[in-house]
Amino acid sequence: MILNKDINPEYSLYHVGSHILETLIEMDKKSSFSDLYNSVYSKNKTTVNLFSLALDWLYVIDAIFLDEKGSIRCL
């Protein structure tokens, strides 16, 4: 389901994931879930479900991780 030719590109995990990584870099590479979602949502109106799926995908490919305080961080 990462690539789907039947939906708009802004609803793909690649697109939302790129906005998440871009926002994390702007936020000094760490953020809480709610702060990160609000920042991404202000630029790209995405649902919480799609946002969560994109976070899962980024975690699986080792692009992000959780630190000991529970903040989302990128490498």
N, C-alpha and C. Protein backbone atom coordinates (compact mmCIF):
# COMPACT_ATOMS: atom_id res chain seq x y z
N MET A 1 0.82 -1.19 0.00
CA MET A 1 0.00 0.00 0.00
C MET A 1 0.86 1.26 0.00
N ILE A 2 2.16 1.15 -0.02
CA ILE A 2 3.00 2.34 -0.06
C ILE A 2 2.79 3.08 -1.37
N LEU A 3 2.79 2.37 -2.47
CA LEU A 3 2.51 2.98 -3.77
C LEU A 3 1.14 2.53 -4.26
N ASN A 4 0.35 3.49 -4.66
CA ASN A 4 -0.97 3.16 -5.15
C ASN A 4 -1.30 4.12 -6.27
N LYS A 5 -1.55 3.62 -7.43
CA LYS A 5 -1.78 4.46 -8.59
C LYS A 5 -3.18 5.07 -8.60
N ASP A 6 -4.06 4.62 -7.70
CA ASP A 6 -5.44 5.08 -7.70
C ASP A 6 -5.70 6.26 -6.76
N ILE A 7 -4.69 6.73 -6.05
CA ILE A 7 -4.90 7.85 -5.14
C ILE A 7 -3.99 9.01 -5.52
N ASN A 8 -4.31 10.16 -4.97
CA ASN A 8 -3.46 11.33 -5.20
C ASN A 8 -2.14 11.15 -4.49
N PRO A 9 -1.06 11.68 -5.04
CA PRO A 9 0.26 11.50 -4.43
C PRO A 9 0.35 12.06 -3.00
N GLU A 10 -0.41 13.10 -2.70
CA GLU A 10 -0.32 13.69 -1.35
C GLU A 10 -0.87 12.76 -0.27
N TYR A 11 -1.52 11.66 -0.66
CA TYR A 11 -2.02 10.68 0.29
C TYR A 11 -1.14 9.44 0.36
N SER A 12 0.03 9.48 -0.24
CA SER A 12 0.93 8.33 -0.19
C SER A 12 1.85 8.44 1.04
N LEU A 13 2.34 7.31 1.50
CA LEU A 13 3.24 7.31 2.64
C LEU A 13 4.55 8.01 2.33
N TYR A 14 5.00 7.92 1.09
CA TYR A 14 6.23 8.62 0.69
C TYR A 14 6.08 10.12 0.87
N HIS A 15 4.98 10.65 0.41
CA HIS A 15 4.75 12.10 0.47
C HIS A 15 4.62 12.58 1.92
N VAL A 16 3.79 11.91 2.69
CA VAL A 16 3.61 12.30 4.09
C VAL A 16 4.90 12.08 4.87
N GLY A 17 5.59 10.99 4.60
CA GLY A 17 6.87 10.73 5.26
C GLY A 17 7.90 11.80 4.98
N SER A 18 7.91 12.31 3.76
CA SER A 18 8.87 13.37 3.43
C SER A 18 8.56 14.64 4.20
N HIS A 19 7.27 14.93 4.40
CA HIS A 19 6.89 16.10 5.20
C HIS A 19 7.27 15.91 6.67
N ILE A 20 7.13 14.69 7.16
CA ILE A 20 7.52 14.41 8.55
C ILE A 20 9.01 14.62 8.74
N LEU A 21 9.81 14.06 7.84
CA LEU A 21 11.27 14.22 7.96
C LEU A 21 11.69 15.68 7.82
N GLU A 22 11.09 16.37 6.87
CA GLU A 22 11.39 17.79 6.68
C GLU A 22 11.06 18.59 7.94
N THR A 23 9.92 18.31 8.54
CA THR A 23 9.51 19.02 9.75
C THR A 23 10.42 18.68 10.93
N LEU A 24 10.80 17.41 11.06
CA LEU A 24 11.72 17.03 12.14
C LEU A 24 13.06 17.75 12.01
N ILE A 25 13.56 17.88 10.80
CA ILE A 25 14.83 18.59 10.60
C ILE A 25 14.68 20.05 10.99
N GLU A 26 13.55 20.66 10.65
CA GLU A 26 13.30 22.05 11.03
C GLU A 26 13.18 22.22 12.55
N MET A 27 12.73 21.16 13.23
CA MET A 27 12.52 21.20 14.68
C MET A 27 13.74 20.66 15.43
N ASP A 28 14.91 20.78 14.87
CA ASP A 28 16.16 20.29 15.47
C ASP A 28 16.16 18.80 15.71
N LYS A 29 15.54 18.06 14.80
CA LYS A 29 15.58 16.60 14.73
C LYS A 29 14.91 15.86 15.89
N LYS A 30 14.02 16.54 16.66
CA LYS A 30 13.25 15.81 17.66
C LYS A 30 11.95 16.56 17.94
N SER A 31 10.92 15.80 18.31
CA SER A 31 9.62 16.39 18.58
C SER A 31 8.71 15.38 19.25
N SER A 32 7.67 15.88 19.90
CA SER A 32 6.64 14.99 20.43
C SER A 32 5.65 14.67 19.31
N PHE A 33 4.85 13.65 19.52
CA PHE A 33 3.88 13.23 18.50
C PHE A 33 2.93 14.38 18.16
N SER A 34 2.35 15.00 19.17
CA SER A 34 1.34 16.04 18.91
C SER A 34 1.94 17.28 18.26
N ASP A 35 3.11 17.71 18.70
CA ASP A 35 3.76 18.87 18.08
C ASP A 35 4.13 18.58 16.63
N LEU A 36 4.63 17.39 16.39
CA LEU A 36 5.01 17.00 15.04
C LEU A 36 3.78 16.93 14.14
N TYR A 37 2.71 16.33 14.64
CA TYR A 37 1.49 16.24 13.83
C TYR A 37 0.94 17.63 13.51
N ASN A 38 0.89 18.51 14.50
CA ASN A 38 0.37 19.86 14.26
C ASN A 38 1.20 20.61 13.23
N SER A 39 2.51 20.45 13.28
CA SER A 39 3.38 21.12 12.30
C SER A 39 3.18 20.55 10.90
N VAL A 40 3.10 19.24 10.80
CA VAL A 40 2.89 18.61 9.49
C VAL A 40 1.50 18.96 8.96
N TYR A 41 0.51 18.95 9.84
CA TYR A 41 -0.86 19.24 9.42
C TYR A 41 -1.00 20.67 8.90
N SER A 42 -0.27 21.60 9.47
CA SER A 42 -0.36 22.99 9.01
C SER A 42 0.16 23.16 7.58
N LYS A 43 1.06 22.30 7.16
CA LYS A 43 1.61 22.37 5.80
C LYS A 43 0.88 21.44 4.83
N ASN A 44 0.48 20.27 5.33
CA ASN A 44 -0.11 19.24 4.49
C ASN A 44 -1.27 18.63 5.27
N LYS A 45 -2.48 19.00 4.93
CA LYS A 45 -3.67 18.56 5.65
C LYS A 45 -3.82 17.04 5.53
N THR A 46 -3.26 16.33 6.49
CA THR A 46 -3.30 14.87 6.48
C THR A 46 -4.05 14.37 7.70
N THR A 47 -4.59 13.18 7.63
CA THR A 47 -5.31 12.61 8.75
C THR A 47 -4.32 12.03 9.76
N VAL A 48 -4.80 11.84 10.97
CA VAL A 48 -3.97 11.22 12.01
C VAL A 48 -3.63 9.79 11.62
N ASN A 49 -4.58 9.09 10.99
CA ASN A 49 -4.32 7.71 10.57
C ASN A 49 -3.19 7.63 9.55
N LEU A 50 -3.24 8.47 8.54
CA LEU A 50 -2.18 8.47 7.53
C LEU A 50 -0.86 8.91 8.13
N PHE A 51 -0.91 9.90 9.01
CA PHE A 51 0.29 10.37 9.71
C PHE A 51 0.92 9.23 10.51
N SER A 52 0.09 8.48 11.24
CA SER A 52 0.60 7.35 12.04
C SER A 52 1.19 6.25 11.17
N LEU A 53 0.53 5.96 10.05
CA LEU A 53 1.08 4.97 9.12
C LEU A 53 2.43 5.41 8.57
N ALA A 54 2.55 6.69 8.25
CA ALA A 54 3.82 7.21 7.73
C ALA A 54 4.90 7.13 8.81
N LEU A 55 4.55 7.42 10.06
CA LEU A 55 5.52 7.28 11.15
C LEU A 55 5.96 5.83 11.29
N ASP A 56 5.01 4.90 11.21
CA ASP A 56 5.35 3.47 11.29
C ASP A 56 6.31 3.08 10.17
N TRP A 57 6.03 3.55 8.96
CA TRP A 57 6.88 3.23 7.82
C TRP A 57 8.28 3.80 8.02
N LEU A 58 8.37 5.05 8.49
CA LEU A 58 9.68 5.67 8.73
C LEU A 58 10.44 4.92 9.82
N TYR A 59 9.74 4.43 10.82
CA TYR A 59 10.38 3.66 11.88
C TYR A 59 10.91 2.32 11.35
N VAL A 60 10.13 1.67 10.53
CA VAL A 60 10.52 0.38 9.98
C VAL A 60 11.77 0.50 9.11
N ILE A 61 11.90 1.59 8.37
CA ILE A 61 13.08 1.76 7.52
C ILE A 61 14.22 2.48 8.25
N ASP A 62 14.10 2.62 9.57
CA ASP A 62 15.13 3.24 10.42
C ASP A 62 15.43 4.69 10.09
N ALA A 63 14.43 5.43 9.64
CA ALA A 63 14.61 6.86 9.39
C ALA A 63 14.33 7.67 10.65
N ILE A 64 13.51 7.13 11.56
CA ILE A 64 13.21 7.79 12.82
C ILE A 64 13.29 6.76 13.94
N PHE A 65 13.35 7.24 15.18
CA PHE A 65 13.33 6.36 16.34
C PHE A 65 12.80 7.15 17.53
N LEU A 66 12.48 6.45 18.60
CA LEU A 66 12.06 7.08 19.85
C LEU A 66 13.24 7.13 20.79
N ASP A 67 13.47 8.28 21.40
CA ASP A 67 14.55 8.35 22.38
C ASP A 67 14.02 7.91 23.75
N GLU A 68 14.88 7.94 24.76
CA GLU A 68 14.49 7.45 26.09
C GLU A 68 13.39 8.28 26.74
N LYS A 69 13.17 9.51 26.29
CA LYS A 69 12.11 10.37 26.84
C LYS A 69 10.81 10.26 26.04
N GLY A 70 10.80 9.47 24.97
CA GLY A 70 9.61 9.28 24.17
C GLY A 70 9.44 10.27 23.03
N SER A 71 10.46 11.06 22.77
CA SER A 71 10.41 12.01 21.64
C SER A 71 10.75 11.29 20.35
N ILE A 72 10.13 11.74 19.28
CA ILE A 72 10.42 11.20 17.95
C ILE A 72 11.64 11.93 17.42
N ARG A 73 12.63 11.18 16.99
CA ARG A 73 13.88 11.76 16.49
C ARG A 73 14.22 11.19 15.13
N CYS A 74 14.92 11.97 14.33
CA CYS A 74 15.44 11.45 13.07
C CYS A 74 16.95 11.43 13.14
N LEU A 75 17.53 10.62 12.28
CA LEU A 75 18.99 10.45 12.30
C LEU A 75 19.72 11.56 11.64
